[in-house]
C-alpha cells in the first residue's frame, strides 16, 4: 500500500494519517471503500495495532473515514463543500505555508504553477 519512514522524527501514526489522506484525496481509495483492518495493516506494516487504531481515530475525527461496528473502517463519501471546520483549518495552514514560501523567495507565479499542477492531478472529480 505504502511505506513509512521509521527513522523520521514524525510519529508513525502521523505518517500513516498523511499517507492515507493522500490516497483518499487522490482517489486511490474510493468513497465507501473498506480500509484494511487494524490487524491486517499492522501485520502488513509490521507496527503495533494501537498505532493503526490511533491513526484511524484521527482520520475519523477529521472526517476522512467512518467506522461501522463489526464491519471495519471505510472512506467517507465527502461532499467537498460539506466540511467547513476542516476547510477553515486547511485555509489557515495554507496561509502559513504561503507566508513562509514567500519569505523564502518563492514567487506568486511559482505558487500558481504548483496549484495548477495539483489541480491537474484532481481532474478526476
PDB file of N, CA and C in Angstrom:
ATOM      1  N   UNK A   1       0.837  -1.194   0.000  1.00  0.00           N
ATOM      2  CA  UNK A   1       0.000   0.000   0.000  1.00  0.00           C
ATOM      3  C   UNK A   1       0.878   1.253   0.000  1.00  0.00           C
ATOM      4  N   UNK A   2       1.812   1.354   0.954  1.00  0.00           N
ATOM      5  CA  UNK A   2       2.745   2.475   1.052  1.00  0.00           C
ATOM      6  C   UNK A   2       3.819   2.144   2.061  1.00  0.00           C
ATOM      7  N   UNK A   3       4.821   3.009   2.132  1.00  0.00           N
ATOM      8  CA  UNK A   3       5.903   2.782   3.083  1.00  0.00           C
ATOM      9  C   UNK A   3       5.979   3.924   4.079  1.00  0.00           C
ATOM     10  N   UNK A   4       6.425   3.601   5.279  1.00  0.00           N
ATOM     11  CA  UNK A   4       6.605   4.586   6.338  1.00  0.00           C
ATOM     12  C   UNK A   4       8.093   4.731   6.612  1.00  0.00           C
ATOM     13  N   UNK A   5       8.489   5.913   7.062  1.00  0.00           N
ATOM     14  CA  UNK A   5       9.890   6.170   7.380  1.00  0.00           C
ATOM     15  C   UNK A   5      10.087   6.006   8.885  1.00  0.00           C
ATOM     16  N   UNK A   6      10.638   4.858   9.272  1.00  0.00           N
ATOM     17  CA  UNK A   6      10.805   4.564  10.700  1.00  0.00           C
ATOM     18  C   UNK A   6      11.920   5.378  11.340  1.00  0.00           C
ATOM     19  N   UNK A   7      12.730   6.036  10.538  1.00  0.00           N
ATOM     20  CA  UNK A   7      13.805   6.877  11.076  1.00  0.00           C
ATOM     21  C   UNK A   7      13.384   8.335  11.210  1.00  0.00           C
ATOM     22  N   UNK A   8      12.220   8.663  10.694  1.00  0.00           N
ATOM     23  CA  UNK A   8      11.731  10.032  10.738  1.00  0.00           C
ATOM     24  C   UNK A   8      11.420  10.445  12.176  1.00  0.00           C
ATOM     25  N   UNK A   9      11.505  11.742  12.427  1.00  0.00           N
ATOM     26  CA  UNK A   9      11.134  12.261  13.750  1.00  0.00           C
ATOM     27  C   UNK A   9       9.620  12.312  13.917  1.00  0.00           C
ATOM     28  N   UNK A  10       8.894  12.319  12.786  1.00  0.00           N
ATOM     29  CA  UNK A  10       7.427  12.342  12.858  1.00  0.00           C
ATOM     30  C   UNK A  10       6.920  11.003  13.359  1.00  0.00           C
ATOM     31  N   UNK A  11       5.971  11.027  14.280  1.00  0.00           N
ATOM     32  CA  UNK A  11       5.409   9.770  14.778  1.00  0.00           C
ATOM     33  C   UNK A  11       4.821   8.930  13.633  1.00  0.00           C
ATOM     34  N   UNK A  12       4.892   7.632  13.792  1.00  0.00           N
ATOM     35  CA  UNK A  12       4.412   6.702  12.768  1.00  0.00           C
ATOM     36  C   UNK A  12       2.928   6.948  12.481  1.00  0.00           C
ATOM     37  N   UNK A  13       2.122   7.170  13.529  1.00  0.00           N
ATOM     38  CA  UNK A  13       0.689   7.352  13.294  1.00  0.00           C
ATOM     39  C   UNK A  13       0.423   8.591  12.449  1.00  0.00           C
ATOM     40  N   UNK A  14       1.221   9.666  12.634  1.00  0.00           N
ATOM     41  CA  UNK A  14       1.054  10.877  11.818  1.00  0.00           C
ATOM     42  C   UNK A  14       1.411  10.606  10.364  1.00  0.00           C
ATOM     43  N   UNK A  15       2.479   9.843  10.152  1.00  0.00           N
ATOM     44  CA  UNK A  15       2.859   9.471   8.786  1.00  0.00           C
ATOM     45  C   UNK A  15       1.742   8.649   8.140  1.00  0.00           C
ATOM     46  N   UNK A  16       1.183   7.739   8.917  1.00  0.00           N
ATOM     47  CA  UNK A  16       0.102   6.892   8.426  1.00  0.00           C
ATOM     48  C   UNK A  16      -1.124   7.732   8.062  1.00  0.00           C
ATOM     49  N   UNK A  17      -1.469   8.683   8.919  1.00  0.00           N
ATOM     50  CA  UNK A  17      -2.598   9.579   8.649  1.00  0.00           C
ATOM     51  C   UNK A  17      -2.362  10.326   7.338  1.00  0.00           C
ATOM     52  N   UNK A  18      -1.174  10.898   7.176  1.00  0.00           N
ATOM     53  CA  UNK A  18      -0.861  11.662   5.964  1.00  0.00           C
ATOM     54  C   UNK A  18      -0.910  10.790   4.716  1.00  0.00           C
ATOM     55  N   UNK A  19      -0.355   9.585   4.789  1.00  0.00           N
ATOM     56  CA  UNK A  19      -0.356   8.674   3.631  1.00  0.00           C
ATOM     57  C   UNK A  19      -1.783   8.294   3.252  1.00  0.00           C
ATOM     58  N   UNK A  20      -2.609   7.967   4.246  1.00  0.00           N
ATOM     59  CA  UNK A  20      -3.991   7.583   3.954  1.00  0.00           C
ATOM     60  C   UNK A  20      -4.790   8.764   3.410  1.00  0.00           C
ATOM     61  N   UNK A  21      -4.568   9.958   3.976  1.00  0.00           N
ATOM     62  CA  UNK A  21      -5.244  11.148   3.455  1.00  0.00           C
ATOM     63  C   UNK A  21      -4.869  11.381   1.990  1.00  0.00           C
ATOM     64  N   UNK A  22      -3.596  11.211   1.697  1.00  0.00           N
ATOM     65  CA  UNK A  22      -3.116  11.377   0.327  1.00  0.00           C
ATOM     66  C   UNK A  22      -3.815  10.389  -0.612  1.00  0.00           C
ATOM     67  N   UNK A  23      -3.942   9.133  -0.194  1.00  0.00           N
ATOM     68  CA  UNK A  23      -4.616   8.125  -1.016  1.00  0.00           C
ATOM     69  C   UNK A  23      -6.092   8.444  -1.200  1.00  0.00           C
ATOM     70  N   UNK A  24      -6.720   8.992  -0.174  1.00  0.00           N
ATOM     71  CA  UNK A  24      -8.135   9.360  -0.257  1.00  0.00           C
ATOM     72  C   UNK A  24      -8.311  10.580  -1.157  1.00  0.00           C
ATOM     73  N   UNK A  25      -7.489  11.603  -0.947  1.00  0.00           N
ATOM     74  CA  UNK A  25      -7.579  12.837  -1.734  1.00  0.00           C
ATOM     75  C   UNK A  25      -7.338  12.568  -3.211  1.00  0.00           C
ATOM     76  N   UNK A  26      -6.371  11.712  -3.510  1.00  0.00           N
ATOM     77  CA  UNK A  26      -6.052  11.391  -4.907  1.00  0.00           C
ATOM     78  C   UNK A  26      -6.947  10.289  -5.465  1.00  0.00           C
ATOM     79  N   UNK A  27      -7.958   9.907  -4.684  1.00  0.00           N
ATOM     80  CA  UNK A  27      -8.963   8.915  -5.066  1.00  0.00           C
ATOM     81  C   UNK A  27      -8.387   7.557  -5.439  1.00  0.00           C
ATOM     82  N   UNK A  28      -7.239   7.223  -4.828  1.00  0.00           N
ATOM     83  CA  UNK A  28      -6.721   5.867  -4.935  1.00  0.00           C
ATOM     84  C   UNK A  28      -7.639   4.983  -4.090  1.00  0.00           C
ATOM     85  N   UNK A  29      -8.008   5.502  -2.924  1.00  0.00           N
ATOM     86  CA  UNK A  29      -9.039   4.872  -2.100  1.00  0.00           C
ATOM     87  C   UNK A  29     -10.348   5.593  -2.403  1.00  0.00           C
ATOM     88  N   UNK A  30     -11.328   4.876  -2.875  1.00  0.00           N
ATOM     89  CA  UNK A  30     -12.601   5.454  -3.331  1.00  0.00           C
ATOM     90  C   UNK A  30     -13.599   5.602  -2.191  1.00  0.00           C
ATOM     91  N   UNK A  31     -14.613   6.407  -2.435  1.00  0.00           N
ATOM     92  CA  UNK A  31     -15.684   6.623  -1.460  1.00  0.00           C
ATOM     93  C   UNK A  31     -16.311   5.290  -1.068  1.00  0.00           C
ATOM     94  N   UNK A  32     -16.504   5.100   0.228  1.00  0.00           N
ATOM     95  CA  UNK A  32     -17.100   3.895   0.821  1.00  0.00           C
ATOM     96  C   UNK A  32     -16.246   2.634   0.666  1.00  0.00           C
ATOM     97  N   UNK A  33     -14.994   2.796   0.223  1.00  0.00           N
ATOM     98  CA  UNK A  33     -14.100   1.636   0.120  1.00  0.00           C
ATOM     99  C   UNK A  33     -13.653   1.225   1.519  1.00  0.00           C
ATOM    100  N   UNK A  34     -13.625  -0.086   1.748  1.00  0.00           N
ATOM    101  CA  UNK A  34     -13.211  -0.603   3.053  1.00  0.00           C
ATOM    102  C   UNK A  34     -11.691  -0.518   3.180  1.00  0.00           C
ATOM    103  N   UNK A  35     -11.238   0.012   4.308  1.00  0.00           N
ATOM    104  CA  UNK A  35      -9.809   0.053   4.608  1.00  0.00           C
ATOM    105  C   UNK A  35      -9.393  -1.294   5.193  1.00  0.00           C
ATOM    106  N   UNK A  36      -8.104  -1.610   5.118  1.00  0.00           N
ATOM    107  CA  UNK A  36      -7.652  -2.847   5.761  1.00  0.00           C
ATOM    108  C   UNK A  36      -7.960  -2.788   7.262  1.00  0.00           C
ATOM    109  N   UNK A  37      -8.221  -3.949   7.843  1.00  0.00           N
ATOM    110  CA  UNK A  37      -8.482  -3.976   9.282  1.00  0.00           C
ATOM    111  C   UNK A  37      -7.223  -3.531  10.017  1.00  0.00           C
ATOM    112  N   UNK A  38      -7.400  -3.132  11.259  1.00  0.00           N
ATOM    113  CA  UNK A  38      -6.272  -2.706  12.084  1.00  0.00           C
ATOM    114  C   UNK A  38      -5.237  -3.822  12.144  1.00  0.00           C
ATOM    115  N   UNK A  39      -5.703  -5.045  12.379  1.00  0.00           N
ATOM    116  CA  UNK A  39      -4.798  -6.197  12.486  1.00  0.00           C
ATOM    117  C   UNK A  39      -4.056  -6.441  11.166  1.00  0.00           C
ATOM    118  N   UNK A  40      -4.786  -6.420  10.038  1.00  0.00           N
ATOM    119  CA  UNK A  40      -4.160  -6.644   8.726  1.00  0.00           C
ATOM    120  C   UNK A  40      -3.078  -5.610   8.436  1.00  0.00           C
ATOM    121  N   UNK A  41      -3.416  -4.348   8.641  1.00  0.00           N
ATOM    122  CA  UNK A  41      -2.471  -3.278   8.331  1.00  0.00           C
ATOM    123  C   UNK A  41      -1.270  -3.314   9.275  1.00  0.00           C
ATOM    124  N   UNK A  42      -1.517  -3.644  10.534  1.00  0.00           N
ATOM    125  CA  UNK A  42      -0.411  -3.755  11.495  1.00  0.00           C
ATOM    126  C   UNK A  42       0.564  -4.850  11.069  1.00  0.00           C
ATOM    127  N   UNK A  43       0.035  -5.975  10.604  1.00  0.00           N
ATOM    128  CA  UNK A  43       0.893  -7.068  10.132  1.00  0.00           C
ATOM    129  C   UNK A  43       1.627  -6.658   8.858  1.00  0.00           C
ATOM    130  N   UNK A  44       0.907  -6.027   7.957  1.00  0.00           N
ATOM    131  CA  UNK A  44       1.485  -5.605   6.682  1.00  0.00           C
ATOM    132  C   UNK A  44       2.645  -4.631   6.888  1.00  0.00           C
ATOM    133  N   UNK A  45       2.449  -3.665   7.783  1.00  0.00           N
ATOM    134  CA  UNK A  45       3.455  -2.629   8.020  1.00  0.00           C
ATOM    135  C   UNK A  45       4.407  -2.985   9.160  1.00  0.00           C
ATOM    136  N   UNK A  46       4.162  -4.101   9.802  1.00  0.00           N
ATOM    137  CA  UNK A  46       4.916  -4.548  10.977  1.00  0.00           C
ATOM    138  C   UNK A  46       5.035  -3.455  12.046  1.00  0.00           C
ATOM    139  N   UNK A  47       3.885  -2.934  12.429  1.00  0.00           N
ATOM    140  CA  UNK A  47       3.821  -1.953  13.522  1.00  0.00           C
ATOM    141  C   UNK A  47       2.705  -2.343  14.486  1.00  0.00           C
ATOM    142  N   UNK A  48       2.724  -1.728  15.634  1.00  0.00           N
ATOM    143  CA  UNK A  48       1.767  -2.011  16.691  1.00  0.00           C
ATOM    144  C   UNK A  48       0.340  -1.662  16.231  1.00  0.00           C
ATOM    145  N   UNK A  49      -0.627  -2.563  16.469  1.00  0.00           N
ATOM    146  CA  UNK A  49      -2.017  -2.277  16.103  1.00  0.00           C
ATOM    147  C   UNK A  49      -2.564  -1.003  16.747  1.00  0.00           C
ATOM    148  N   UNK A  50      -2.067  -0.663  17.946  1.00  0.00           N
ATOM    149  CA  UNK A  50      -2.521   0.568  18.604  1.00  0.00           C
ATOM    150  C   UNK A  50      -2.170   1.804  17.776  1.00  0.00           C
ATOM    151  N   UNK A  51      -1.071   1.754  17.057  1.00  0.00           N
ATOM    152  CA  UNK A  51      -0.651   2.859  16.192  1.00  0.00           C
ATOM    153  C   UNK A  51      -1.639   3.021  15.042  1.00  0.00           C
ATOM    154  N   UNK A  52      -2.051   1.905  14.465  1.00  0.00           N
ATOM    155  CA  UNK A  52      -3.034   1.930  13.378  1.00  0.00           C
ATOM    156  C   UNK A  52      -4.357   2.475  13.912  1.00  0.00           C
ATOM    157  N   UNK A  53      -4.751   1.970  15.082  1.00  0.00           N
ATOM    158  CA  UNK A  53      -6.011   2.407  15.690  1.00  0.00           C
ATOM    159  C   UNK A  53      -6.000   3.914  15.932  1.00  0.00           C
ATOM    160  N   UNK A  54      -4.893   4.437  16.409  1.00  0.00           N
ATOM    161  CA  UNK A  54      -4.763   5.872  16.670  1.00  0.00           C
ATOM    162  C   UNK A  54      -4.883   6.667  15.368  1.00  0.00           C
ATOM    163  N   UNK A  55      -4.246   6.177  14.315  1.00  0.00           N
ATOM    164  CA  UNK A  55      -4.327   6.843  13.007  1.00  0.00           C
ATOM    165  C   UNK A  55      -5.762   6.815  12.481  1.00  0.00           C
ATOM    166  N   UNK A  56      -6.430   5.678  12.596  1.00  0.00           N
ATOM    167  CA  UNK A  56      -7.812   5.566  12.133  1.00  0.00           C
ATOM    168  C   UNK A  56      -8.729   6.509  12.921  1.00  0.00           C
ATOM    169  N   UNK A  57      -8.505   6.596  14.246  1.00  0.00           N
ATOM    170  CA  UNK A  57      -9.320   7.517  15.063  1.00  0.00           C
ATOM    171  C   UNK A  57      -9.124   8.962  14.603  1.00  0.00           C
ATOM    172  N   UNK A  58      -7.867   9.320  14.319  1.00  0.00           N
ATOM    173  CA  UNK A  58      -7.555  10.679  13.853  1.00  0.00           C
ATOM    174  C   UNK A  58      -8.230  10.953  12.506  1.00  0.00           C
ATOM    175  N   UNK A  59      -8.139  10.005  11.590  1.00  0.00           N
ATOM    176  CA  UNK A  59      -8.779  10.170  10.281  1.00  0.00           C
ATOM    177  C   UNK A  59     -10.299  10.284  10.417  1.00  0.00           C
ATOM    178  N   UNK A  60     -10.850   9.544  11.357  1.00  0.00           N
ATOM    179  CA  UNK A  60     -12.296   9.611  11.593  1.00  0.00           C
ATOM    180  C   UNK A  60     -12.678  10.972  12.162  1.00  0.00           C
ATOM    181  N   UNK A  61     -11.887  11.487  13.094  1.00  0.00           N
ATOM    182  CA  UNK A  61     -12.195  12.793  13.687  1.00  0.00           C
ATOM    183  C   UNK A  61     -12.053  13.916  12.664  1.00  0.00           C
ATOM    184  N   UNK A  62     -11.194  13.716  11.659  1.00  0.00           N
ATOM    185  CA  UNK A  62     -11.017  14.715  10.610  1.00  0.00           C
ATOM    186  C   UNK A  62     -12.034  14.558   9.474  1.00  0.00           C
ATOM    187  N   UNK A  63     -12.840  13.498   9.528  1.00  0.00           N
ATOM    188  CA  UNK A  63     -13.889  13.309   8.533  1.00  0.00           C
ATOM    189  C   UNK A  63     -13.458  12.609   7.260  1.00  0.00           C
ATOM    190  N   UNK A  64     -12.338  11.891   7.298  1.00  0.00           N
ATOM    191  CA  UNK A  64     -11.872  11.176   6.105  1.00  0.00           C
ATOM    192  C   UNK A  64     -12.394   9.745   6.038  1.00  0.00           C
ATOM    193  N   UNK A  65     -12.639   9.153   7.204  1.00  0.00           N
ATOM    194  CA  UNK A  65     -13.149   7.786   7.233  1.00  0.00           C
ATOM    195  C   UNK A  65     -14.273   7.684   8.262  1.00  0.00           C
ATOM    196  N   UNK A  66     -15.015   6.588   8.184  1.00  0.00           N
ATOM    197  CA  UNK A  66     -16.022   6.279   9.197  1.00  0.00           C
ATOM    198  C   UNK A  66     -15.919   4.798   9.527  1.00  0.00           C
ATOM    199  N   UNK A  67     -16.386   4.446  10.711  1.00  0.00           N
ATOM    200  CA  UNK A  67     -16.318   3.058  11.157  1.00  0.00           C
ATOM    201  C   UNK A  67     -17.715   2.511  11.382  1.00  0.00           C
ATOM    202  N   UNK A  68     -17.878   1.258  11.062  1.00  0.00           N
ATOM    203  CA  UNK A  68     -19.121   0.548  11.350  1.00  0.00           C
ATOM    204  C   UNK A  68     -18.773  -0.608  12.272  1.00  0.00           C
ATOM    205  N   UNK A  69     -19.417  -0.653  13.416  1.00  0.00           N
ATOM    206  CA  UNK A  69     -19.145  -1.674  14.432  1.00  0.00           C
ATOM    207  C   UNK A  69     -19.215  -3.066  13.814  1.00  0.00           C
ATOM    208  N   UNK A  70     -18.138  -3.815  13.962  1.00  0.00           N
ATOM    209  CA  UNK A  70     -18.098  -5.181  13.473  1.00  0.00           C
ATOM    210  C   UNK A  70     -17.831  -5.316  11.974  1.00  0.00           C
ATOM    211  N   UNK A  71     -17.805  -4.197  11.247  1.00  0.00           N
ATOM    212  CA  UNK A  71     -17.601  -4.256   9.795  1.00  0.00           C
ATOM    213  C   UNK A  71     -16.262  -3.667   9.364  1.00  0.00           C
ATOM    214  N   UNK A  72     -15.776  -2.654  10.101  1.00  0.00           N
ATOM    215  CA  UNK A  72     -14.487  -2.054   9.758  1.00  0.00           C
ATOM    216  C   UNK A  72     -14.579  -0.565   9.494  1.00  0.00           C
ATOM    217  N   UNK A  73     -13.528  -0.036   8.884  1.00  0.00           N
ATOM    218  CA  UNK A  73     -13.434   1.394   8.568  1.00  0.00           C
ATOM    219  C   UNK A  73     -13.513   1.586   7.066  1.00  0.00           C
ATOM    220  N   UNK A  74     -14.172   2.674   6.668  1.00  0.00           N
ATOM    221  CA  UNK A  74     -14.436   2.944   5.262  1.00  0.00           C
ATOM    222  C   UNK A  74     -14.124   4.399   4.938  1.00  0.00           C
ATOM    223  N   UNK A  75     -13.833   4.662   3.665  1.00  0.00           N
ATOM    224  CA  UNK A  75     -13.574   6.033   3.211  1.00  0.00           C
ATOM    225  C   UNK A  75     -14.892   6.788   3.216  1.00  0.00           C
ATOM    226  N   UNK A  76     -14.890   7.939   3.844  1.00  0.00           N
ATOM    227  CA  UNK A  76     -16.088   8.758   3.964  1.00  0.00           C
ATOM    228  C   UNK A  76     -16.412   9.418   2.625  1.00  0.00           C
ATOM    229  N   UNK A  77     -17.655   9.305   2.156  1.00  0.00           N
ATOM    230  CA  UNK A  77     -18.034   9.958   0.902  1.00  0.00           C
ATOM    231  C   UNK A  77     -18.276  11.455   1.128  1.00  0.00           C
ATOM    232  N   UNK A  78     -17.211  12.228   1.071  1.00  0.00           N
ATOM    233  CA  UNK A  78     -17.272  13.647   1.426  1.00  0.00           C
ATOM    234  C   UNK A  78     -17.852  14.475   0.287  1.00  0.00           C
ATOM    235  N   UNK A  79     -18.743  15.348   0.675  1.00  0.00           N
ATOM    236  CA  UNK A  79     -19.209  16.385  -0.228  1.00  0.00           C
ATOM    237  C   UNK A  79     -18.209  17.514  -0.063  1.00  0.00           C
ATOM    238  N   UNK A  80     -17.556  17.944  -1.111  1.00  0.00           N
ATOM    239  CA  UNK A  80     -16.443  18.878  -0.978  1.00  0.00           C
ATOM    240  C   UNK A  80     -16.807  20.184  -0.292  1.00  0.00           C
ATOM    241  N   UNK A  81     -18.069  20.539  -0.248  1.00  0.00           N
ATOM    242  CA  UNK A  81     -18.458  21.789   0.407  1.00  0.00           C
ATOM    243  C   UNK A  81     -19.038  21.539   1.790  1.00  0.00           C
ATOM    244  N   UNK A  82     -19.010  20.287   2.237  1.00  0.00           N
ATOM    245  CA  UNK A  82     -19.656  19.875   3.478  1.00  0.00           C
ATOM    246  C   UNK A  82     -18.902  20.215   4.753  1.00  0.00           C
ATOM    247  N   UNK A  83     -17.585  20.237   4.697  1.00  0.00           N
ATOM    248  CA  UNK A  83     -16.797  20.218   5.912  1.00  0.00           C
ATOM    249  C   UNK A  83     -16.155  21.582   6.200  1.00  0.00           C
ATOM    250  N   UNK A  84     -16.951  22.538   6.670  1.00  0.00           N
ATOM    251  CA  UNK A  84     -16.482  23.905   6.906  1.00  0.00           C
ATOM    252  C   UNK A  84     -15.323  23.980   7.893  1.00  0.00           C
ATOM    253  N   UNK A  85     -15.412  23.233   8.980  1.00  0.00           N
ATOM    254  CA  UNK A  85     -14.369  23.287  10.002  1.00  0.00           C
ATOM    255  C   UNK A  85     -13.023  22.836   9.424  1.00  0.00           C
ATOM    256  N   UNK A  86     -13.044  21.731   8.694  1.00  0.00           N
ATOM    257  CA  UNK A  86     -11.806  21.215   8.099  1.00  0.00           C
ATOM    258  C   UNK A  86     -11.288  22.172   7.025  1.00  0.00           C
ATOM    259  N   UNK A  87     -12.192  22.754   6.243  1.00  0.00           N
ATOM    260  CA  UNK A  87     -11.785  23.723   5.219  1.00  0.00           C
ATOM    261  C   UNK A  87     -11.103  24.932   5.853  1.00  0.00           C
ATOM    262  N   UNK A  88     -11.630  25.397   6.971  1.00  0.00           N
ATOM    263  CA  UNK A  88     -11.011  26.539   7.652  1.00  0.00           C
ATOM    264  C   UNK A  88      -9.614  26.203   8.168  1.00  0.00           C
ATOM    265  N   UNK A  89      -9.437  24.981   8.674  1.00  0.00           N
ATOM    266  CA  UNK A  89      -8.107  24.548   9.128  1.00  0.00           C
ATOM    267  C   UNK A  89      -7.128  24.534   7.957  1.00  0.00           C
ATOM    268  N   UNK A  90      -7.580  24.010   6.825  1.00  0.00           N
ATOM    269  CA  UNK A  90      -6.717  23.933   5.639  1.00  0.00           C
ATOM    270  C   UNK A  90      -6.374  25.339   5.149  1.00  0.00           C
ATOM    271  N   UNK A  91      -7.354  26.235   5.127  1.00  0.00           N
ATOM    272  CA  UNK A  91      -7.097  27.623   4.700  1.00  0.00           C
ATOM    273  C   UNK A  91      -6.037  28.282   5.582  1.00  0.00           C
ATOM    274  N   UNK A  92      -6.161  28.080   6.889  1.00  0.00           N
ATOM    275  CA  UNK A  92      -5.208  28.682   7.826  1.00  0.00           C
ATOM    276  C   UNK A  92      -3.809  28.108   7.609  1.00  0.00           C
ATOM    277  N   UNK A  93      -3.742  26.810   7.410  1.00  0.00           N
ATOM    278  CA  UNK A  93      -2.455  26.158   7.152  1.00  0.00           C
ATOM    279  C   UNK A  93      -1.846  26.671   5.846  1.00  0.00           C
ATOM    280  N   UNK A  94      -2.686  26.836   4.824  1.00  0.00           N
ATOM    281  CA  UNK A  94      -2.196  27.376   3.541  1.00  0.00           C
ATOM    282  C   UNK A  94      -1.657  28.794   3.706  1.00  0.00           C
ATOM    283  N   UNK A  95      -2.350  29.606   4.499  1.00  0.00           N
ATOM    284  CA  UNK A  95      -1.867  30.979   4.750  1.00  0.00           C
ATOM    285  C   UNK A  95      -0.452  30.953   5.333  1.00  0.00           C
ATOM    286  N   UNK A  96      -0.265  30.077   6.317  1.00  0.00           N
ATOM    287  CA  UNK A  96       1.052  29.958   6.951  1.00  0.00           C
ATOM    288  C   UNK A  96       2.098  29.494   5.945  1.00  0.00           C
ATOM    289  N   UNK A  97       1.748  28.489   5.161  1.00  0.00           N
ATOM    290  CA  UNK A  97       2.690  27.954   4.178  1.00  0.00           C
ATOM    291  C   UNK A  97       3.011  28.974   3.088  1.00  0.00           C
ATOM    292  N   UNK A  98       2.001  29.712   2.621  1.00  0.00           N
ATOM    293  CA  UNK A  98       2.245  30.756   1.612  1.00  0.00           C
ATOM    294  C   UNK A  98       3.164  31.841   2.172  1.00  0.00           C
ATOM    295  N   UNK A  99       2.905  32.249   3.412  1.00  0.00           N
ATOM    296  CA  UNK A  99       3.740  33.286   4.027  1.00  0.00           C
ATOM    297  C   UNK A  99       5.186  32.811   4.133  1.00  0.00           C
ATOM    298  N   UNK A 100       5.383  31.570   4.539  1.00  0.00           N
ATOM    299  CA  UNK A 100       6.728  31.025   4.653  1.00  0.00           C
ATOM    300  C   UNK A 100       7.387  30.902   3.279  1.00  0.00           C
ATOM    301  N   UNK A 101       6.627  30.439   2.293  1.00  0.00           N
ATOM    302  CA  UNK A 101       7.160  30.280   0.932  1.00  0.00           C
ATOM    303  C   UNK A 101       7.596  31.628   0.364  1.00  0.00           C
ATOM    304  N   UNK A 102       6.773  32.649   0.539  1.00  0.00           N
ATOM    305  CA  UNK A 102       7.096  33.983   0.030  1.00  0.00           C
ATOM    306  C   UNK A 102       8.323  34.531   0.756  1.00  0.00           C
ATOM    307  N   UNK A 103       8.384  34.315   2.059  1.00  0.00           N
ATOM    308  CA  UNK A 103       9.537  34.743   2.845  1.00  0.00           C
ATOM    309  C   UNK A 103      10.821  34.100   2.337  1.00  0.00           C
ATOM    310  N   UNK A 104      10.725  32.825   1.948  1.00  0.00           N
ATOM    311  CA  UNK A 104      11.895  32.091   1.474  1.00  0.00           C
ATOM    312  C   UNK A 104      12.216  32.360   0.002  1.00  0.00           C
ATOM    313  N   UNK A 105      11.372  33.162  -0.652  1.00  0.00           N
ATOM    314  CA  UNK A 105      11.693  33.585  -2.014  1.00  0.00           C
ATOM    315  C   UNK A 105      10.906  32.943  -3.135  1.00  0.00           C
ATOM    316  N   UNK A 106       9.913  32.148  -2.826  1.00  0.00           N
ATOM    317  CA  UNK A 106       9.079  31.579  -3.884  1.00  0.00           C
ATOM    318  C   UNK A 106       8.150  32.676  -4.395  1.00  0.00           C
ATOM    319  N   UNK A 107       8.067  32.808  -5.704  1.00  0.00           N
ATOM    320  CA  UNK A 107       7.225  33.862  -6.300  1.00  0.00           C
ATOM    321  C   UNK A 107       5.774  33.404  -6.372  1.00  0.00           C
ATOM    322  N   UNK A 108       4.871  34.372  -6.515  1.00  0.00           N
ATOM    323  CA  UNK A 108       3.463  34.020  -6.662  1.00  0.00           C
ATOM    324  C   UNK A 108       3.232  33.217  -7.937  1.00  0.00           C
ATOM    325  N   UNK A 109       4.033  33.479  -8.946  1.00  0.00           N
ATOM    326  CA  UNK A 109       3.924  32.727 -10.199  1.00  0.00           C
ATOM    327  C   UNK A 109       4.256  31.251  -9.945  1.00  0.00           C
ATOM    328  N   UNK A 110       5.303  30.987  -9.161  1.00  0.00           N
ATOM    329  CA  UNK A 110       5.677  29.608  -8.836  1.00  0.00           C
ATOM    330  C   UNK A 110       4.577  28.926  -8.011  1.00  0.00           C
ATOM    331  N   UNK A 111       3.987  29.683  -7.089  1.00  0.00           N
ATOM    332  CA  UNK A 111       2.891  29.141  -6.280  1.00  0.00           C
ATOM    333  C   UNK A 111       1.708  28.806  -7.187  1.00  0.00           C
ATOM    334  N   UNK A 112       1.429  29.686  -8.124  1.00  0.00           N
ATOM    335  CA  UNK A 112       0.336  29.457  -9.069  1.00  0.00           C
ATOM    336  C   UNK A 112       0.598  28.204  -9.910  1.00  0.00           C
ATOM    337  N   UNK A 113       1.836  28.018 -10.360  1.00  0.00           N
ATOM    338  CA  UNK A 113       2.186  26.838 -11.143  1.00  0.00           C
ATOM    339  C   UNK A 113       2.016  25.553 -10.305  1.00  0.00           C
ATOM    340  N   UNK A 114       2.410  25.624  -9.038  1.00  0.00           N
ATOM    341  CA  UNK A 114       2.233  24.471  -8.150  1.00  0.00           C
ATOM    342  C   UNK A 114       0.748  24.143  -7.976  1.00  0.00           C
ATOM    343  N   UNK A 115      -0.065  25.192  -7.820  1.00  0.00           N
ATOM    344  CA  UNK A 115      -1.505  24.996  -7.672  1.00  0.00           C
ATOM    345  C   UNK A 115      -2.087  24.336  -8.918  1.00  0.00           C
ATOM    346  N   UNK A 116      -1.681  24.809 -10.095  1.00  0.00           N
ATOM    347  CA  UNK A 116      -2.172  24.210 -11.350  1.00  0.00           C
ATOM    348  C   UNK A 116      -1.738  22.752 -11.466  1.00  0.00           C
ATOM    349  N   UNK A 117      -0.540  22.462 -11.008  1.00  0.00           N
ATOM    350  CA  UNK A 117      -0.020  21.094 -11.030  1.00  0.00           C
ATOM    351  C   UNK A 117      -0.893  20.186 -10.151  1.00  0.00           C
ATOM    352  N   UNK A 118      -1.224  20.680  -8.965  1.00  0.00           N
ATOM    353  CA  UNK A 118      -2.074  19.909  -8.044  1.00  0.00           C
ATOM    354  C   UNK A 118      -3.487  19.767  -8.616  1.00  0.00           C
ATOM    355  N   UNK A 119      -4.015  20.849  -9.166  1.00  0.00           N
ATOM    356  CA  UNK A 119      -5.349  20.788  -9.778  1.00  0.00           C
ATOM    357  C   UNK A 119      -5.379  19.776 -10.917  1.00  0.00           C
ATOM    358  N   UNK A 120      -4.309  19.706 -11.685  1.00  0.00           N
ATOM    359  CA  UNK A 120      -4.223  18.751 -12.790  1.00  0.00           C
ATOM    360  C   UNK A 120      -4.350  17.322 -12.324  1.00  0.00           C
ATOM    361  N   UNK A 121      -3.864  17.050 -11.121  1.00  0.00           N
ATOM    362  CA  UNK A 121      -3.980  15.711 -10.555  1.00  0.00           C
ATOM    363  C   UNK A 121      -5.361  15.425  -9.976  1.00  0.00           C
ATOM    364  N   UNK A 122      -6.196  16.464  -9.853  1.00  0.00           N
ATOM    365  CA  UNK A 122      -7.529  16.314  -9.246  1.00  0.00           C
ATOM    366  C   UNK A 122      -8.647  16.349 -10.282  1.00  0.00           C
ATOM    367  N   UNK A 123      -8.346  16.259 -11.553  1.00  0.00           N
ATOM    368  CA  UNK A 123      -9.367  16.401 -12.610  1.00  0.00           C
ATOM    369  C   UNK A 123     -10.328  15.236 -12.687  1.00  0.00           C
ATOM    370  N   UNK A 124     -10.107  14.188 -11.892  1.00  0.00           N
ATOM    371  CA  UNK A 124     -10.951  13.008 -11.949  1.00  0.00           C
ATOM    372  C   UNK A 124     -12.254  13.157 -11.173  1.00  0.00           C
ATOM    373  N   UNK A 125     -12.529  14.341 -10.644  1.00  0.00           N
ATOM    374  CA  UNK A 125     -13.733  14.544  -9.808  1.00  0.00           C
ATOM    375  C   UNK A 125     -15.024  14.358 -10.573  1.00  0.00           C
TER     376      UNK A 125
END
